[in-house]
Amino acid sequence: MNIEITQARKPHCWVVYLDDLAVNFNSLEQANAFVAQLKARIAAPHVWPHAGPRETFERTLAPRKVAAAIK
């Protein structure tokens, strides 16, 4: 993910770009705090869900009506 902070044309407006997503902030301090927290969360260890024993799911079908055999 590309993270970039730029100043917008409007005064006192800062934009943090996360790839194609733009997030506006009123101050450079707010933008820097957002980026710092985002980078910390990305760098944090992530635990993968534990795969328990495999469960088998059987499709339950309603009993079919069998036509009487023609003699």
PDB file of N, CA and C in Angstrom:
ATOM      1  N   MET A   1       0.850  -1.166   0.000  1.00  0.00           N
ATOM      2  CA  MET A   1       0.000   0.000   0.000  1.00  0.00           C
ATOM      3  C   MET A   1       0.893   1.225   0.000  1.00  0.00           C
ATOM      4  N   ASN A   2       0.639   2.113  -0.923  1.00  0.00           N
ATOM      5  CA  ASN A   2       1.364   3.373  -0.979  1.00  0.00           C
ATOM      6  C   ASN A   2       0.647   4.397  -0.110  1.00  0.00           C
ATOM      7  N   ILE A   3       1.395   5.051   0.788  1.00  0.00           N
ATOM      8  CA  ILE A   3       0.838   6.063   1.674  1.00  0.00           C
ATOM      9  C   ILE A   3       1.597   7.357   1.434  1.00  0.00           C
ATOM     10  N   GLU A   4       0.862   8.426   1.143  1.00  0.00           N
ATOM     11  CA  GLU A   4       1.497   9.701   0.817  1.00  0.00           C
ATOM     12  C   GLU A   4       0.677  10.845   1.404  1.00  0.00           C
ATOM     13  N   ILE A   5       1.360  11.851   1.941  1.00  0.00           N
ATOM     14  CA  ILE A   5       0.688  13.036   2.473  1.00  0.00           C
ATOM     15  C   ILE A   5       1.025  14.212   1.568  1.00  0.00           C
ATOM     16  N   THR A   6      -0.007  14.937   1.127  1.00  0.00           N
ATOM     17  CA  THR A   6       0.212  16.129   0.317  1.00  0.00           C
ATOM     18  C   THR A   6      -0.673  17.260   0.833  1.00  0.00           C
ATOM     19  N   GLN A   7      -0.267  18.483   0.521  1.00  0.00           N
ATOM     20  CA  GLN A   7      -1.076  19.635   0.899  1.00  0.00           C
ATOM     21  C   GLN A   7      -2.008  19.953  -0.267  1.00  0.00           C
ATOM     22  N   ALA A   8      -3.286  20.170   0.054  1.00  0.00           N
ATOM     23  CA  ALA A   8      -4.276  20.468  -0.986  1.00  0.00           C
ATOM     24  C   ALA A   8      -4.231  21.950  -1.321  1.00  0.00           C
ATOM     25  N   ARG A   9      -4.928  22.323  -2.378  1.00  0.00           N
ATOM     26  CA  ARG A   9      -4.974  23.728  -2.793  1.00  0.00           C
ATOM     27  C   ARG A   9      -5.682  24.601  -1.771  1.00  0.00           C
ATOM     28  N   LYS A  10      -6.659  24.018  -1.085  1.00  0.00           N
ATOM     29  CA  LYS A  10      -7.368  24.770  -0.059  1.00  0.00           C
ATOM     30  C   LYS A  10      -6.410  25.033   1.099  1.00  0.00           C
ATOM     31  N   PRO A  11      -6.481  26.201   1.705  1.00  0.00           N
ATOM     32  CA  PRO A  11      -5.587  26.451   2.839  1.00  0.00           C
ATOM     33  C   PRO A  11      -5.915  25.538   4.017  1.00  0.00           C
ATOM     34  N   HIS A  12      -4.890  25.116   4.679  1.00  0.00           N
ATOM     35  CA  HIS A  12      -5.000  24.267   5.872  1.00  0.00           C
ATOM     36  C   HIS A  12      -5.713  22.945   5.590  1.00  0.00           C
ATOM     37  N   CYS A  13      -5.517  22.396   4.423  1.00  0.00           N
ATOM     38  CA  CYS A  13      -6.116  21.107   4.100  1.00  0.00           C
ATOM     39  C   CYS A  13      -5.006  20.162   3.654  1.00  0.00           C
ATOM     40  N   TRP A  14      -4.942  19.015   4.289  1.00  0.00           N
ATOM     41  CA  TRP A  14      -3.941  18.011   3.972  1.00  0.00           C
ATOM     42  C   TRP A  14      -4.647  16.736   3.544  1.00  0.00           C
ATOM     43  N   VAL A  15      -4.075  16.042   2.596  1.00  0.00           N
ATOM     44  CA  VAL A  15      -4.689  14.832   2.056  1.00  0.00           C
ATOM     45  C   VAL A  15      -3.711  13.674   2.217  1.00  0.00           C
ATOM     46  N   VAL A  16      -4.218  12.589   2.788  1.00  0.00           N
ATOM     47  CA  VAL A  16      -3.442  11.352   2.878  1.00  0.00           C
ATOM     48  C   VAL A  16      -3.990  10.422   1.806  1.00  0.00           C
ATOM     49  N   TYR A  17      -3.110  10.012   0.904  1.00  0.00           N
ATOM     50  CA  TYR A  17      -3.497   9.083  -0.155  1.00  0.00           C
ATOM     51  C   TYR A  17      -3.073   7.680   0.247  1.00  0.00           C
ATOM     52  N   LEU A  18      -4.029   6.756   0.219  1.00  0.00           N
ATOM     53  CA  LEU A  18      -3.784   5.344   0.450  1.00  0.00           C
ATOM     54  C   LEU A  18      -4.102   4.653  -0.870  1.00  0.00           C
ATOM     55  N   ASP A  19      -3.079   4.481  -1.685  1.00  0.00           N
ATOM     56  CA  ASP A  19      -3.267   4.043  -3.064  1.00  0.00           C
ATOM     57  C   ASP A  19      -4.233   5.012  -3.743  1.00  0.00           C
ATOM     58  N   ASP A  20      -5.447   4.586  -4.088  1.00  0.00           N
ATOM     59  CA  ASP A  20      -6.393   5.461  -4.791  1.00  0.00           C
ATOM     60  C   ASP A  20      -7.389   6.140  -3.856  1.00  0.00           C
ATOM     61  N   LEU A  21      -7.315   5.873  -2.568  1.00  0.00           N
ATOM     62  CA  LEU A  21      -8.237   6.461  -1.601  1.00  0.00           C
ATOM     63  C   LEU A  21      -7.626   7.733  -1.020  1.00  0.00           C
ATOM     64  N   ALA A  22      -8.417   8.817  -0.990  1.00  0.00           N
ATOM     65  CA  ALA A  22      -7.955  10.091  -0.434  1.00  0.00           C
ATOM     66  C   ALA A  22      -8.722  10.390   0.843  1.00  0.00           C
ATOM     67  N   VAL A  23      -7.984  10.725   1.918  1.00  0.00           N
ATOM     68  CA  VAL A  23      -8.587  11.075   3.203  1.00  0.00           C
ATOM     69  C   VAL A  23      -8.108  12.477   3.559  1.00  0.00           C
ATOM     70  N   ASN A  24      -9.062  13.405   3.785  1.00  0.00           N
ATOM     71  CA  ASN A  24      -8.730  14.808   4.070  1.00  0.00           C
ATOM     72  C   ASN A  24      -8.570  15.054   5.562  1.00  0.00           C
ATOM     73  N   PHE A  25      -7.637  15.946   5.908  1.00  0.00           N
ATOM     74  CA  PHE A  25      -7.392  16.358   7.283  1.00  0.00           C
ATOM     75  C   PHE A  25      -7.235  17.869   7.331  1.00  0.00           C
ATOM     76  N   ASN A  26      -7.555  18.445   8.492  1.00  0.00           N
ATOM     77  CA  ASN A  26      -7.467  19.892   8.664  1.00  0.00           C
ATOM     78  C   ASN A  26      -6.057  20.371   8.981  1.00  0.00           C
ATOM     79  N   SER A  27      -5.203  19.478   9.480  1.00  0.00           N
ATOM     80  CA  SER A  27      -3.847  19.896   9.823  1.00  0.00           C
ATOM     81  C   SER A  27      -2.863  18.796   9.463  1.00  0.00           C
ATOM     82  N   LEU A  28      -1.623  19.210   9.330  1.00  0.00           N
ATOM     83  CA  LEU A  28      -0.561  18.256   9.043  1.00  0.00           C
ATOM     84  C   LEU A  28      -0.371  17.306  10.228  1.00  0.00           C
ATOM     85  N   GLU A  29      -0.575  17.804  11.448  1.00  0.00           N
ATOM     86  CA  GLU A  29      -0.435  16.968  12.636  1.00  0.00           C
ATOM     87  C   GLU A  29      -1.464  15.834  12.631  1.00  0.00           C
ATOM     88  N   GLN A  30      -2.700  16.154  12.251  1.00  0.00           N
ATOM     89  CA  GLN A  30      -3.735  15.110  12.178  1.00  0.00           C
ATOM     90  C   GLN A  30      -3.388  14.080  11.108  1.00  0.00           C
ATOM     91  N   ALA A  31      -2.913  14.535   9.969  1.00  0.00           N
ATOM     92  CA  ALA A  31      -2.542  13.621   8.894  1.00  0.00           C
ATOM     93  C   ALA A  31      -1.392  12.718   9.319  1.00  0.00           C
ATOM     94  N   ASN A  32      -0.380  13.292   9.978  1.00  0.00           N
ATOM     95  CA  ASN A  32       0.757  12.495  10.442  1.00  0.00           C
ATOM     96  C   ASN A  32       0.345  11.490  11.508  1.00  0.00           C
ATOM     97  N   ALA A  33      -0.559  11.890  12.413  1.00  0.00           N
ATOM     98  CA  ALA A  33      -1.037  10.966  13.447  1.00  0.00           C
ATOM     99  C   ALA A  33      -1.792   9.805  12.818  1.00  0.00           C
ATOM    100  N   PHE A  34      -2.604  10.079  11.809  1.00  0.00           N
ATOM    101  CA  PHE A  34      -3.350   9.028  11.109  1.00  0.00           C
ATOM    102  C   PHE A  34      -2.390   8.051  10.434  1.00  0.00           C
ATOM    103  N   VAL A  35      -1.404   8.584   9.737  1.00  0.00           N
ATOM    104  CA  VAL A  35      -0.443   7.731   9.035  1.00  0.00           C
ATOM    105  C   VAL A  35       0.371   6.904  10.034  1.00  0.00           C
ATOM    106  N   ALA A  36       0.769   7.504  11.146  1.00  0.00           N
ATOM    107  CA  ALA A  36       1.537   6.767  12.153  1.00  0.00           C
ATOM    108  C   ALA A  36       0.725   5.619  12.726  1.00  0.00           C
ATOM    109  N   GLN A  37      -0.552   5.874  13.038  1.00  0.00           N
ATOM    110  CA  GLN A  37      -1.396   4.812  13.585  1.00  0.00           C
ATOM    111  C   GLN A  37      -1.645   3.724  12.541  1.00  0.00           C
ATOM    112  N   LEU A  38      -1.860   4.120  11.295  1.00  0.00           N
ATOM    113  CA  LEU A  38      -2.083   3.145  10.227  1.00  0.00           C
ATOM    114  C   LEU A  38      -0.857   2.261  10.033  1.00  0.00           C
ATOM    115  N   LYS A  39       0.324   2.869   9.995  1.00  0.00           N
ATOM    116  CA  LYS A  39       1.554   2.087   9.813  1.00  0.00           C
ATOM    117  C   LYS A  39       1.796   1.157  11.001  1.00  0.00           C
ATOM    118  N   ALA A  40       1.471   1.615  12.210  1.00  0.00           N
ATOM    119  CA  ALA A  40       1.629   0.756  13.387  1.00  0.00           C
ATOM    120  C   ALA A  40       0.692  -0.441  13.311  1.00  0.00           C
ATOM    121  N   ARG A  41      -0.513  -0.221  12.852  1.00  0.00           N
ATOM    122  CA  ARG A  41      -1.462  -1.337  12.737  1.00  0.00           C
ATOM    123  C   ARG A  41      -1.048  -2.307  11.646  1.00  0.00           C
ATOM    124  N   ILE A  42      -0.510  -1.795  10.554  1.00  0.00           N
ATOM    125  CA  ILE A  42      -0.051  -2.673   9.476  1.00  0.00           C
ATOM    126  C   ILE A  42       1.137  -3.504   9.949  1.00  0.00           C
ATOM    127  N   ALA A  43       2.037  -2.886  10.714  1.00  0.00           N
ATOM    128  CA  ALA A  43       3.245  -3.580  11.173  1.00  0.00           C
ATOM    129  C   ALA A  43       2.988  -4.498  12.358  1.00  0.00           C
ATOM    130  N   ALA A  44       1.844  -4.367  13.012  1.00  0.00           N
ATOM    131  CA  ALA A  44       1.545  -5.184  14.195  1.00  0.00           C
ATOM    132  C   ALA A  44       1.417  -6.654  13.797  1.00  0.00           C
ATOM    133  N   PRO A  45       1.783  -7.545  14.724  1.00  0.00           N
ATOM    134  CA  PRO A  45       1.619  -8.973  14.419  1.00  0.00           C
ATOM    135  C   PRO A  45       0.138  -9.332  14.295  1.00  0.00           C
ATOM    136  N   HIS A  46      -0.146 -10.149  13.344  1.00  0.00           N
ATOM    137  CA  HIS A  46      -1.517 -10.595  13.112  1.00  0.00           C
ATOM    138  C   HIS A  46      -1.576 -12.105  13.264  1.00  0.00           C
ATOM    139  N   VAL A  47      -2.507 -12.559  14.060  1.00  0.00           N
ATOM    140  CA  VAL A  47      -2.666 -13.983  14.312  1.00  0.00           C
ATOM    141  C   VAL A  47      -3.659 -14.551  13.303  1.00  0.00           C
ATOM    142  N   TRP A  48      -3.241 -15.611  12.647  1.00  0.00           N
ATOM    143  CA  TRP A  48      -4.149 -16.278  11.723  1.00  0.00           C
ATOM    144  C   TRP A  48      -5.131 -17.109  12.532  1.00  0.00           C
ATOM    145  N   PRO A  49      -6.371 -17.201  12.071  1.00  0.00           N
ATOM    146  CA  PRO A  49      -7.352 -18.021  12.790  1.00  0.00           C
ATOM    147  C   PRO A  49      -6.879 -19.469  12.840  1.00  0.00           C
ATOM    148  N   HIS A  50      -7.103 -20.111  13.987  1.00  0.00           N
ATOM    149  CA  HIS A  50      -6.698 -21.503  14.163  1.00  0.00           C
ATOM    150  C   HIS A  50      -7.683 -22.403  13.422  1.00  0.00           C
ATOM    151  N   ALA A  51      -7.140 -23.269  12.616  1.00  0.00           N
ATOM    152  CA  ALA A  51      -7.977 -24.230  11.888  1.00  0.00           C
ATOM    153  C   ALA A  51      -8.211 -25.427  12.791  1.00  0.00           C
ATOM    154  N   GLY A  52      -9.437 -25.602  13.203  1.00  0.00           N
ATOM    155  CA  GLY A  52      -9.793 -26.731  14.060  1.00  0.00           C
ATOM    156  C   GLY A  52     -10.000 -27.975  13.218  1.00  0.00           C
ATOM    157  N   PRO A  53     -10.498 -29.014  13.847  1.00  0.00           N
ATOM    158  CA  PRO A  53     -10.759 -30.239  13.085  1.00  0.00           C
ATOM    159  C   PRO A  53     -11.752 -29.957  11.954  1.00  0.00           C
ATOM    160  N   ARG A  54     -11.507 -30.592  10.862  1.00  0.00           N
ATOM    161  CA  ARG A  54     -12.397 -30.371   9.715  1.00  0.00           C
ATOM    162  C   ARG A  54     -13.790 -30.899  10.014  1.00  0.00           C
ATOM    163  N   GLU A  55     -14.733 -30.116   9.656  1.00  0.00           N
ATOM    164  CA  GLU A  55     -16.116 -30.530   9.856  1.00  0.00           C
ATOM    165  C   GLU A  55     -16.694 -30.939   8.508  1.00  0.00           C
ATOM    166  N   THR A  56     -17.438 -31.983   8.529  1.00  0.00           N
ATOM    167  CA  THR A  56     -18.078 -32.452   7.313  1.00  0.00           C
ATOM    168  C   THR A  56     -19.539 -32.036   7.345  1.00  0.00           C
ATOM    169  N   PHE A  57     -19.928 -31.350   6.329  1.00  0.00           N
ATOM    170  CA  PHE A  57     -21.316 -30.925   6.227  1.00  0.00           C
ATOM    171  C   PHE A  57     -21.990 -31.748   5.142  1.00  0.00           C
ATOM    172  N   GLU A  58     -23.057 -32.418   5.509  1.00  0.00           N
ATOM    173  CA  GLU A  58     -23.787 -33.228   4.550  1.00  0.00           C
ATOM    174  C   GLU A  58     -25.040 -32.467   4.155  1.00  0.00           C
ATOM    175  N   ARG A  59     -25.303 -32.503   2.896  1.00  0.00           N
ATOM    176  CA  ARG A  59     -26.493 -31.838   2.399  1.00  0.00           C
ATOM    177  C   ARG A  59     -27.692 -32.720   2.733  1.00  0.00           C
ATOM    178  N   THR A  60     -28.639 -32.140   3.417  1.00  0.00           N
ATOM    179  CA  THR A  60     -29.827 -32.895   3.795  1.00  0.00           C
ATOM    180  C   THR A  60     -30.903 -32.665   2.745  1.00  0.00           C
ATOM    181  N   LEU A  61     -31.337 -33.737   2.126  1.00  0.00           N
ATOM    182  CA  LEU A  61     -32.378 -33.644   1.111  1.00  0.00           C
ATOM    183  C   LEU A  61     -33.662 -34.255   1.646  1.00  0.00           C
ATOM    184  N   ALA A  62     -34.762 -33.692   1.247  1.00  0.00           N
ATOM    185  CA  ALA A  62     -36.056 -34.272   1.624  1.00  0.00           C
ATOM    186  C   ALA A  62     -36.209 -35.592   0.887  1.00  0.00           C
ATOM    187  N   PRO A  63     -36.828 -36.568   1.524  1.00  0.00           N
ATOM    188  CA  PRO A  63     -37.004 -37.857   0.849  1.00  0.00           C
ATOM    189  C   PRO A  63     -37.803 -37.666  -0.446  1.00  0.00           C
ATOM    190  N   ARG A  64     -37.355 -38.340  -1.474  1.00  0.00           N
ATOM    191  CA  ARG A  64     -38.048 -38.240  -2.760  1.00  0.00           C
ATOM    192  C   ARG A  64     -39.188 -39.242  -2.806  1.00  0.00           C
ATOM    193  N   LYS A  65     -40.241 -38.835  -3.450  1.00  0.00           N
ATOM    194  CA  LYS A  65     -41.356 -39.765  -3.646  1.00  0.00           C
ATOM    195  C   LYS A  65     -41.005 -40.633  -4.839  1.00  0.00           C
ATOM    196  N   VAL A  66     -41.093 -41.946  -4.617  1.00  0.00           N
ATOM    197  CA  VAL A  66     -40.766 -42.893  -5.674  1.00  0.00           C
ATOM    198  C   VAL A  66     -42.072 -43.343  -6.315  1.00  0.00           C
ATOM    199  N   ALA A  67     -42.118 -43.222  -7.618  1.00  0.00           N
ATOM    200  CA  ALA A  67     -43.308 -43.643  -8.340  1.00  0.00           C
ATOM    201  C   ALA A  67     -43.441 -45.160  -8.243  1.00  0.00           C
ATOM    202  N   ALA A  68     -44.670 -45.618  -8.106  1.00  0.00           N
ATOM    203  CA  ALA A  68     -44.923 -47.065  -8.025  1.00  0.00           C
ATOM    204  C   ALA A  68     -44.513 -47.717  -9.331  1.00  0.00           C
ATOM    205  N   ALA A  69     -43.889 -48.861  -9.203  1.00  0.00           N
ATOM    206  CA  ALA A  69     -43.434 -49.584 -10.398  1.00  0.00           C
ATOM    207  C   ALA A  69     -44.627 -50.052 -11.198  1.00  0.00           C
ATOM    208  N   ILE A  70     -44.553 -49.845 -12.489  1.00  0.00           N
ATOM    209  CA  ILE A  70     -45.640 -50.287 -13.382  1.00  0.00           C
ATOM    210  C   ILE A  70     -45.392 -51.733 -13.740  1.00  0.00           C
ATOM    211  N   LYS A  71     -46.436 -52.556 -13.582  1.00  0.00           N
ATOM    212  CA  LYS A  71     -46.309 -53.994 -13.884  1.00  0.00           C
ATOM    213  C   LYS A  71     -46.725 -54.266 -15.280  1.00  0.00           C
TER     214      LYS A  71
END
